[in-house]
N, C-alpha and C. Protein backbone atom coordinates (compact mmCIF):
# COMPACT_ATOMS: atom_id res chain seq x y z
N MET A 1 206.54 155.64 -109.94
CA MET A 1 208.32 157.45 -110.10
C MET A 1 207.71 158.50 -109.18
N TYR A 2 205.68 158.46 -109.78
CA TYR A 2 205.59 159.94 -108.98
C TYR A 2 204.85 159.70 -108.37
N LYS A 3 204.13 159.98 -106.96
CA LYS A 3 203.79 159.88 -106.10
C LYS A 3 202.44 160.81 -105.68
N LYS A 4 202.63 162.45 -106.17
CA LYS A 4 202.13 163.40 -106.46
C LYS A 4 202.14 164.32 -107.50
N ILE A 5 200.71 164.56 -108.10
CA ILE A 5 200.31 165.35 -109.37
C ILE A 5 200.25 166.35 -109.35
N LEU A 6 200.25 167.57 -110.10
CA LEU A 6 199.65 169.03 -109.51
C LEU A 6 199.12 169.17 -110.43
N ILE A 7 197.91 169.59 -110.77
CA ILE A 7 196.95 169.42 -112.28
C ILE A 7 196.38 171.40 -112.29
N PRO A 8 197.36 172.19 -112.59
CA PRO A 8 196.56 174.38 -112.04
C PRO A 8 195.97 173.73 -113.80
N THR A 9 194.47 174.62 -113.28
CA THR A 9 193.83 174.63 -114.23
C THR A 9 193.26 175.87 -113.98
N ASP A 10 192.53 176.71 -114.98
CA ASP A 10 192.36 177.64 -115.49
C ASP A 10 190.65 177.13 -115.81
N GLY A 11 190.07 176.10 -116.05
CA GLY A 11 188.76 175.79 -116.99
C GLY A 11 189.49 175.64 -118.28
N SER A 12 189.84 175.86 -118.99
CA SER A 12 190.36 176.09 -120.82
C SER A 12 190.54 174.75 -121.44
N GLU A 13 190.53 174.48 -122.59
CA GLU A 13 190.75 173.32 -122.82
C GLU A 13 191.83 172.71 -123.13
N ASN A 14 192.97 173.79 -122.77
CA ASN A 14 194.59 173.03 -121.87
C ASN A 14 194.04 171.69 -121.14
N SER A 15 193.83 173.13 -120.29
CA SER A 15 194.31 172.30 -119.43
C SER A 15 192.85 171.39 -118.90
N LYS A 16 192.26 171.23 -119.48
CA LYS A 16 190.81 169.63 -120.13
C LYS A 16 192.38 168.81 -120.85
N ARG A 17 192.68 168.71 -121.24
CA ARG A 17 193.64 168.20 -122.30
C ARG A 17 194.97 167.67 -120.88
N ALA A 18 195.30 168.23 -120.76
CA ALA A 18 196.31 168.21 -119.08
C ALA A 18 195.41 167.14 -118.08
N ASN A 19 194.71 166.83 -118.27
CA ASN A 19 194.66 166.37 -116.98
C ASN A 19 193.93 164.99 -117.18
N LYS A 20 193.69 164.55 -118.17
CA LYS A 20 193.73 163.11 -119.62
C LYS A 20 195.36 162.49 -119.08
N HIS A 21 196.36 163.11 -120.00
CA HIS A 21 197.62 162.77 -119.44
C HIS A 21 197.36 162.31 -118.00
N ALA A 22 197.40 163.64 -116.99
CA ALA A 22 197.76 163.31 -115.44
C ALA A 22 197.49 162.39 -114.84
N LEU A 23 196.01 161.68 -115.95
CA LEU A 23 194.76 160.43 -114.73
C LEU A 23 196.24 159.38 -115.35
N TRP A 24 195.97 159.41 -116.39
CA TRP A 24 196.91 158.15 -117.05
C TRP A 24 198.60 157.87 -116.19
N ILE A 25 199.67 159.19 -116.60
CA ILE A 25 200.18 159.16 -115.21
C ILE A 25 199.94 158.40 -113.77
N ALA A 26 199.18 159.02 -113.10
CA ALA A 26 198.40 158.68 -111.83
C ALA A 26 197.85 157.58 -112.15
N ASP A 27 197.16 157.21 -112.53
CA ASP A 27 196.80 155.89 -112.70
C ASP A 27 198.01 154.54 -112.18
N LYS A 28 199.06 154.86 -113.56
CA LYS A 28 200.17 154.11 -113.81
C LYS A 28 201.68 154.25 -112.98
N SER A 29 201.48 155.11 -111.83
CA SER A 29 202.39 155.69 -111.21
C SER A 29 201.51 155.40 -109.10
N ASP A 30 200.35 155.21 -109.08
CA ASP A 30 199.24 155.78 -107.97
C ASP A 30 199.62 156.60 -107.28
N ALA A 31 199.63 157.69 -108.00
CA ALA A 31 199.95 158.71 -107.73
C ALA A 31 198.12 159.25 -107.30
N ASP A 32 198.11 160.50 -106.45
CA ASP A 32 197.59 161.06 -106.37
C ASP A 32 197.70 162.88 -107.12
N ILE A 33 196.23 163.31 -107.40
CA ILE A 33 196.01 164.37 -107.96
C ILE A 33 196.26 165.88 -106.94
N VAL A 34 196.56 166.60 -107.41
CA VAL A 34 196.07 168.17 -106.90
C VAL A 34 195.68 169.19 -107.73
N ILE A 35 194.82 169.61 -107.32
CA ILE A 35 194.32 170.45 -108.44
C ILE A 35 194.27 171.56 -107.57
N MET A 36 194.98 172.94 -108.47
CA MET A 36 194.83 174.57 -108.05
C MET A 36 194.06 175.01 -109.60
N TYR A 37 193.63 176.09 -109.04
CA TYR A 37 193.84 177.58 -109.00
C TYR A 37 193.97 177.91 -108.59
N VAL A 38 194.53 179.40 -109.28
CA VAL A 38 194.25 180.37 -108.70
C VAL A 38 193.52 182.33 -109.46
N ILE A 39 193.64 182.29 -108.58
CA ILE A 39 192.30 183.58 -108.40
C ILE A 39 194.22 184.81 -108.75
N GLU A 40 193.89 185.43 -109.93
CA GLU A 40 195.43 186.88 -110.14
C GLU A 40 194.35 187.48 -109.64
N PRO A 41 194.61 188.42 -108.08
CA PRO A 41 193.76 189.51 -107.67
C PRO A 41 194.32 190.86 -108.07
N HIS A 42 194.57 190.79 -109.34
CA HIS A 42 194.62 192.72 -109.90
C HIS A 42 194.67 192.32 -111.03
N TYR A 43 194.78 193.66 -111.75
CA TYR A 43 194.15 193.75 -113.02
C TYR A 43 196.03 192.72 -114.30
N PRO A 44 195.44 191.99 -114.93
CA PRO A 44 196.24 191.76 -115.71
C PRO A 44 197.05 192.30 -116.65
N GLU A 45 198.74 191.97 -116.84
CA GLU A 45 199.49 193.59 -116.95
C GLU A 45 199.10 193.90 -118.47
N LEU A 46 198.83 192.74 -118.66
CA LEU A 46 198.66 193.72 -120.38
C LEU A 46 197.79 194.57 -119.89
N LEU A 47 197.11 194.97 -119.48
CA LEU A 47 196.39 195.86 -119.09
C LEU A 47 196.68 197.19 -118.37
N ALA A 48 197.54 196.42 -117.37
CA ALA A 48 198.23 197.27 -116.81
C ALA A 48 199.67 198.76 -117.75
N THR A 49 199.86 198.19 -118.83
CA THR A 49 200.98 198.04 -119.84
C THR A 49 200.28 199.32 -120.80
N GLU A 50 199.01 199.17 -121.15
CA GLU A 50 198.47 199.66 -121.63
C GLU A 50 197.76 200.88 -121.40
N LEU A 51 197.10 201.03 -119.72
CA LEU A 51 196.80 201.75 -119.74
C LEU A 51 197.57 202.62 -118.29
N PRO A 52 196.64 203.63 -118.09
CA PRO A 52 197.72 204.07 -117.14
C PRO A 52 196.44 203.61 -115.88
N ILE A 53 197.02 202.71 -115.05
CA ILE A 53 196.91 203.00 -113.60
C ILE A 53 196.12 203.15 -113.17
N SER A 54 196.09 203.96 -113.19
CA SER A 54 194.46 204.90 -112.34
C SER A 54 193.22 206.25 -113.26
N THR A 55 193.90 205.39 -114.39
CA THR A 55 192.17 205.16 -115.16
C THR A 55 191.41 203.87 -115.31
N LEU A 56 191.73 202.78 -114.57
CA LEU A 56 191.23 201.52 -113.83
C LEU A 56 190.23 201.64 -113.14
N PRO A 57 188.72 201.19 -113.16
CA PRO A 57 188.76 201.03 -111.90
C PRO A 57 188.81 200.00 -110.73
N SER A 58 188.49 200.69 -109.63
CA SER A 58 189.49 199.68 -108.60
C SER A 58 188.11 198.76 -108.10
N PRO A 59 188.18 197.44 -108.15
CA PRO A 59 187.64 196.19 -108.06
C PRO A 59 187.24 196.29 -107.24
N ASP A 60 186.16 195.91 -106.58
CA ASP A 60 185.24 195.87 -104.97
C ASP A 60 184.94 194.55 -104.45
N GLU A 61 185.02 194.07 -103.86
CA GLU A 61 185.45 192.64 -102.78
C GLU A 61 184.12 191.83 -103.91
N ARG A 62 183.54 192.19 -103.89
CA ARG A 62 181.96 191.87 -104.90
C ARG A 62 182.80 191.11 -106.02
N PHE A 63 183.17 191.70 -107.23
CA PHE A 63 184.55 191.01 -108.03
C PHE A 63 184.96 190.54 -107.23
N TYR A 64 185.86 189.85 -106.77
CA TYR A 64 186.61 188.57 -105.70
C TYR A 64 185.55 187.87 -106.30
N GLU A 65 184.52 188.74 -104.93
CA GLU A 65 184.04 186.74 -104.81
C GLU A 65 183.74 186.52 -105.75
N GLU A 66 182.72 187.81 -107.23
CA GLU A 66 182.72 185.85 -108.27
C GLU A 66 183.89 185.39 -109.14
N ILE A 67 185.11 185.64 -108.41
CA ILE A 67 185.78 185.53 -108.63
C ILE A 67 186.17 184.43 -108.39
N ARG A 68 186.68 183.81 -107.41
CA ARG A 68 186.28 183.56 -106.24
C ARG A 68 185.28 181.82 -107.27
N ASP A 69 183.85 182.48 -107.37
CA ASP A 69 183.02 181.85 -107.32
C ASP A 69 183.35 180.89 -108.69
N GLU A 70 183.92 181.97 -109.15
CA GLU A 70 184.21 181.00 -110.67
C GLU A 70 184.76 180.32 -110.75
N GLY A 71 186.41 179.91 -109.48
CA GLY A 71 187.55 179.39 -108.85
C GLY A 71 186.51 177.60 -108.77
N LYS A 72 185.37 178.36 -108.31
CA LYS A 72 185.37 177.24 -107.15
C LYS A 72 185.10 176.39 -108.18
N GLN A 73 183.58 177.14 -109.20
CA GLN A 73 183.00 175.55 -110.09
C GLN A 73 183.72 175.53 -110.81
N ILE A 74 185.20 175.96 -111.34
CA ILE A 74 186.13 174.90 -112.33
C ILE A 74 186.57 174.35 -111.32
N ILE A 75 186.64 174.44 -110.53
CA ILE A 75 187.72 173.33 -109.74
C ILE A 75 186.53 171.65 -109.31
N GLU A 76 185.86 172.12 -109.39
CA GLU A 76 184.76 171.58 -108.69
C GLU A 76 184.22 170.52 -110.16
N ASN A 77 184.41 171.41 -111.45
CA ASN A 77 184.01 170.68 -112.17
C ASN A 77 185.07 169.54 -113.23
N PHE A 78 186.07 169.63 -112.90
CA PHE A 78 187.23 169.75 -113.37
C PHE A 78 187.59 168.72 -112.66
N ARG A 79 187.11 168.40 -111.05
CA ARG A 79 187.09 167.86 -110.21
C ARG A 79 186.19 166.16 -111.14
N LYS A 80 184.64 166.49 -111.10
CA LYS A 80 183.70 165.67 -111.62
C LYS A 80 184.21 165.42 -112.67
N GLU A 81 184.78 166.11 -113.20
CA GLU A 81 185.29 165.62 -114.49
C GLU A 81 186.33 164.28 -114.80
N LEU A 82 187.25 164.15 -113.71
CA LEU A 82 187.91 163.40 -113.81
C LEU A 82 187.18 163.41 -113.15
N GLU A 83 186.66 162.14 -112.26
CA GLU A 83 185.86 161.59 -111.57
C GLU A 83 185.31 160.55 -112.13
N ASP A 84 183.96 161.68 -112.63
CA ASP A 84 183.47 160.37 -113.49
C ASP A 84 183.12 160.22 -115.21
N VAL A 85 184.25 160.79 -115.38
CA VAL A 85 183.92 160.87 -116.66
C VAL A 85 185.32 159.84 -117.25
N GLN A 86 186.90 160.40 -116.94
CA GLN A 86 187.89 160.70 -116.89
C GLN A 86 188.12 158.74 -116.32
N CYS A 87 187.73 158.82 -114.90
CA CYS A 87 188.40 158.03 -113.82
C CYS A 87 187.58 157.08 -114.59
N LYS A 88 186.29 156.68 -114.91
CA LYS A 88 186.28 155.41 -115.06
C LYS A 88 186.13 153.93 -114.79
N GLY A 89 186.77 154.04 -113.43
CA GLY A 89 186.84 153.09 -112.38
C GLY A 89 187.67 152.92 -112.48
N ILE A 90 189.10 153.83 -113.38
CA ILE A 90 190.79 153.66 -113.10
C ILE A 90 190.84 153.51 -112.14
N CYS A 91 190.77 154.98 -111.94
CA CYS A 91 191.00 155.46 -110.40
C CYS A 91 190.56 155.83 -109.00
N LYS A 92 189.94 154.90 -108.12
CA LYS A 92 188.79 154.86 -107.50
C LYS A 92 190.16 154.85 -106.14
N ASN A 93 191.49 154.33 -107.07
CA ASN A 93 192.96 154.87 -105.16
C ASN A 93 193.56 155.71 -105.25
N THR A 94 192.77 156.51 -106.15
CA THR A 94 193.31 158.12 -106.44
C THR A 94 193.06 158.88 -105.90
N ASN A 95 193.97 159.72 -104.53
CA ASN A 95 192.78 160.72 -104.01
C ASN A 95 193.32 161.61 -104.69
N LEU A 96 192.48 162.71 -104.57
CA LEU A 96 192.10 163.74 -105.00
C LEU A 96 192.12 165.02 -104.15
N LYS A 97 192.79 165.65 -104.33
CA LYS A 97 193.04 167.02 -103.65
C LYS A 97 192.25 168.58 -104.44
N THR A 98 192.73 169.02 -103.70
CA THR A 98 192.01 170.91 -103.98
C THR A 98 192.71 171.65 -103.47
N ILE A 99 193.13 172.81 -104.32
CA ILE A 99 193.94 174.15 -103.63
C ILE A 99 193.25 175.27 -104.48
N MET A 100 192.98 176.47 -103.84
CA MET A 100 192.43 177.11 -104.18
C MET A 100 192.79 178.11 -103.83
N THR A 101 194.34 179.20 -104.62
CA THR A 101 194.81 180.27 -103.71
C THR A 101 194.98 181.37 -104.64
N GLU A 102 194.41 183.13 -104.35
CA GLU A 102 195.25 183.81 -104.63
C GLU A 102 196.72 184.09 -105.05
N GLY A 103 196.74 184.59 -106.27
CA GLY A 103 198.14 185.68 -105.84
C GLY A 103 198.80 184.99 -107.84
N LYS A 104 200.22 185.82 -108.19
CA LYS A 104 200.49 185.37 -109.78
C LYS A 104 200.45 184.09 -109.64
N PRO A 105 199.74 183.63 -111.19
CA PRO A 105 199.57 182.69 -110.33
C PRO A 105 200.89 181.40 -110.60
N SER A 106 202.17 182.15 -111.85
CA SER A 106 203.19 181.34 -111.38
C SER A 106 203.73 181.57 -110.25
N ASN A 107 202.72 182.09 -109.48
CA ASN A 107 204.67 181.95 -108.70
C ASN A 107 203.49 180.99 -107.61
N GLU A 108 202.65 181.28 -107.54
CA GLU A 108 201.34 181.17 -107.06
C GLU A 108 201.73 178.56 -106.77
N ILE A 109 201.72 178.54 -108.70
CA ILE A 109 202.05 177.01 -108.69
C ILE A 109 203.36 177.31 -107.66
N VAL A 110 204.54 177.81 -108.75
CA VAL A 110 205.77 177.70 -107.73
C VAL A 110 205.83 176.65 -106.49
N ASN A 111 205.24 177.63 -105.34
CA ASN A 111 205.72 178.03 -104.42
C ASN A 111 204.44 176.69 -103.47
N VAL A 112 203.56 176.19 -104.01
CA VAL A 112 203.00 174.55 -103.70
C VAL A 112 203.73 173.48 -104.25
N LEU A 113 204.77 173.66 -104.67
CA LEU A 113 205.37 172.31 -105.53
C LEU A 113 206.14 172.03 -103.52
N ASP A 114 206.06 172.49 -103.19
CA ASP A 114 207.20 171.68 -102.06
C ASP A 114 206.04 172.14 -100.70
N LYS A 115 205.58 172.84 -100.79
CA LYS A 115 204.40 173.32 -99.75
C LYS A 115 203.19 170.97 -99.83
N GLU A 116 203.30 170.93 -100.90
CA GLU A 116 202.37 169.62 -101.45
C GLU A 116 203.27 168.90 -100.83
N ASN A 117 204.52 168.42 -101.75
CA ASN A 117 205.60 167.78 -102.35
C ASN A 117 205.02 166.49 -103.45
N ILE A 118 205.18 167.42 -104.23
CA ILE A 118 204.42 167.39 -105.64
C ILE A 118 205.70 167.28 -106.81
N ASP A 119 205.05 165.74 -107.31
CA ASP A 119 206.15 165.34 -108.54
C ASP A 119 206.24 165.55 -109.40
N LEU A 120 205.34 165.84 -109.64
CA LEU A 120 205.84 166.20 -111.61
C LEU A 120 204.15 167.33 -111.27
N VAL A 121 204.50 168.16 -112.54
CA VAL A 121 203.30 169.27 -112.52
C VAL A 121 203.18 169.31 -114.21
N VAL A 122 201.63 168.53 -114.05
CA VAL A 122 201.02 168.64 -115.91
C VAL A 122 199.76 169.78 -115.95
N MET A 123 200.67 170.37 -116.64
CA MET A 123 199.97 171.97 -117.10
C MET A 123 199.57 172.01 -118.80
N GLY A 124 198.22 172.96 -118.99
CA GLY A 124 198.38 173.22 -120.70
C GLY A 124 199.43 173.57 -120.61
N ALA A 125 199.62 173.89 -122.82
CA ALA A 125 200.35 175.15 -122.76
C ALA A 125 200.59 176.95 -123.34
N SER A 126 198.72 176.42 -122.60
CA SER A 126 198.70 178.18 -122.87
C SER A 126 197.41 177.66 -122.07
N GLY A 127 196.66 178.89 -121.60
CA GLY A 127 194.80 179.38 -120.67
C GLY A 127 193.95 179.63 -121.57
N ARG A 128 193.14 180.07 -121.02
CA ARG A 128 191.78 180.67 -121.35
C ARG A 128 192.19 181.71 -121.70
N HIS A 129 193.12 182.94 -121.43
CA HIS A 129 192.78 183.66 -121.97
C HIS A 129 192.86 184.46 -123.57
N GLY A 130 193.09 183.58 -123.79
CA GLY A 130 193.23 183.57 -125.40
C GLY A 130 194.20 184.98 -125.61
N LEU A 131 195.14 184.73 -124.83
CA LEU A 131 196.84 186.07 -125.97
C LEU A 131 197.75 184.72 -125.96
N ASP A 132 197.33 183.15 -126.45
CA ASP A 132 198.73 183.03 -126.81
C ASP A 132 199.81 183.62 -126.65
N ARG A 133 201.36 183.28 -126.09
CA ARG A 133 202.42 183.26 -126.82
C ARG A 133 202.81 182.98 -128.50
N PHE A 134 204.62 182.89 -128.66
CA PHE A 134 204.33 181.96 -129.48
C PHE A 134 204.08 180.90 -129.93
N VAL A 135 205.13 179.69 -128.44
CA VAL A 135 204.45 178.92 -128.27
C VAL A 135 203.95 178.45 -126.83
N ILE A 136 204.34 178.57 -125.34
CA ILE A 136 203.10 178.86 -124.75
C ILE A 136 202.84 179.56 -124.10
N GLY A 137 201.84 179.91 -123.22
CA GLY A 137 201.72 181.08 -122.59
C GLY A 137 202.35 181.34 -121.43
N SER A 138 202.37 182.34 -121.39
CA SER A 138 202.91 183.35 -119.97
C SER A 138 202.83 182.73 -118.73
N VAL A 139 201.93 181.70 -118.16
CA VAL A 139 202.07 181.33 -116.94
C VAL A 139 202.80 180.01 -117.08
N THR A 140 202.34 179.56 -118.19
CA THR A 140 203.01 177.54 -118.70
C THR A 140 204.87 178.34 -117.77
N GLU A 141 205.28 179.04 -119.10
CA GLU A 141 206.42 179.26 -119.57
C GLU A 141 208.06 180.18 -117.81
N ARG A 142 206.41 180.86 -117.48
CA ARG A 142 207.50 181.20 -115.75
C ARG A 142 207.32 179.94 -115.02
N VAL A 143 206.20 178.87 -114.49
CA VAL A 143 206.26 177.58 -114.35
C VAL A 143 208.08 177.01 -114.64
N VAL A 144 207.98 176.44 -115.75
CA VAL A 144 208.54 175.63 -116.79
C VAL A 144 210.05 176.49 -116.13
N ARG A 145 210.54 177.37 -116.17
CA ARG A 145 211.68 178.31 -115.51
C ARG A 145 211.81 178.04 -114.56
N ASN A 146 211.20 178.35 -113.80
CA ASN A 146 210.69 178.03 -112.05
C ASN A 146 210.98 176.92 -111.31
N ALA A 147 210.58 175.94 -111.95
CA ALA A 147 210.00 174.70 -111.44
C ALA A 147 211.11 173.97 -111.28
N ARG A 148 211.09 173.33 -109.57
CA ARG A 148 212.37 172.59 -109.56
C ARG A 148 211.42 171.04 -109.00
N LYS A 149 210.64 171.61 -109.79
CA LYS A 149 210.35 169.64 -110.29
C LYS A 149 209.91 169.82 -111.41
N PRO A 150 209.47 168.14 -111.96
CA PRO A 150 209.23 168.29 -113.12
C PRO A 150 208.42 169.16 -113.83
N VAL A 151 207.55 169.45 -115.27
CA VAL A 151 206.51 170.15 -115.32
C VAL A 151 206.54 169.51 -117.17
N MET A 152 205.38 168.56 -116.95
CA MET A 152 204.82 168.35 -117.92
C MET A 152 203.94 169.14 -118.98
N VAL A 153 204.49 169.47 -120.57
CA VAL A 153 203.43 170.88 -120.78
C VAL A 153 202.83 169.64 -121.89
N ILE A 154 201.05 170.27 -122.12
CA ILE A 154 200.34 169.49 -122.59
C ILE A 154 199.40 170.54 -123.73
N PRO A 155 200.33 169.94 -125.01
CA PRO A 155 199.15 171.22 -126.49
C PRO A 155 198.29 171.29 -126.97
């Protein structure tokens, strides 16, 4: 039924739980997995609403390089966990692809659905920012509202 499953990750525990579900679905449907990490190249909206933007220091290229490195490490750890720990030999025929983009996470996730011919998105209910909303995180909520593909949200 599903041929390509997208797992957006931020390294949080919720995203790690989501990969278990995605792996099971991929194994049952012989689907490939795309792991995605999005770098948000601006300050979180929460800071911008509480502080005048002119009072925030402007990030330099070193700041973004550190974020890119962190993203690469999260993706690599995620891939290793999928391949070595969770697969346990069952996903030898599952192709794993990684994508790292920069932009607003919810927009980037929705935009990659058509570009990569994604059939299903499996993502955590909230991320690692510790600013959980009432039920699900804001990125997850925006993806659910805007995606034209099925989205499975894992608590």
